[in-house]
């Protein structure tokens, strides 16, 4: 854990597995009435699976392939969130939440690019991947616990429909 991570975790303690599971259950309870949230939650599950596959892959080729699959879903998902959902978060959950979300995703993209340059069999590769996974888990927790439920509960129905349509368009633009 870097010094910056230690400072950040003091200000905003990391969510426990139980906290993340409760936030997921609560978000899933909102998903039947909200198509875009259902899509987001499905992508979150796919990202979690992709991290597990990258962590469990044996051999350099398998790790690189799993990492590329992770990068694809993570980038497509984050691009769609940034283009469509974070403006809604800014309006319905707070500008500070949207600013934090954009910053977290920018950092994750920089870290993913750094991993790509490392030997996939090195300890550095594994450590950096684990670090990014932890950061993404915390980010997902914030989205599922507060930011996205705020949008679901306060944005008008017609906005919800537009968010669903636009989120799918943006995701498909990157992940065909």
Foldseek 3Di string as FASTA:
>chain_A
DDPVVVVVCVVPPFDDPVLLVVLLVVLVVLCVLFPQSVVLSVLVVVLVVLLVQLLPFDDQVSNVVSLVVNCLSLVLQLQLCLVFVLVLLCVQVHVVLSVVLVVLSVVLVVLSVVLNPDRSVDPVNNVSSVVSVSSVSRSVSCCSNGRVVSSSVPPDPVSSVVSNVSSVVSSVVRVD
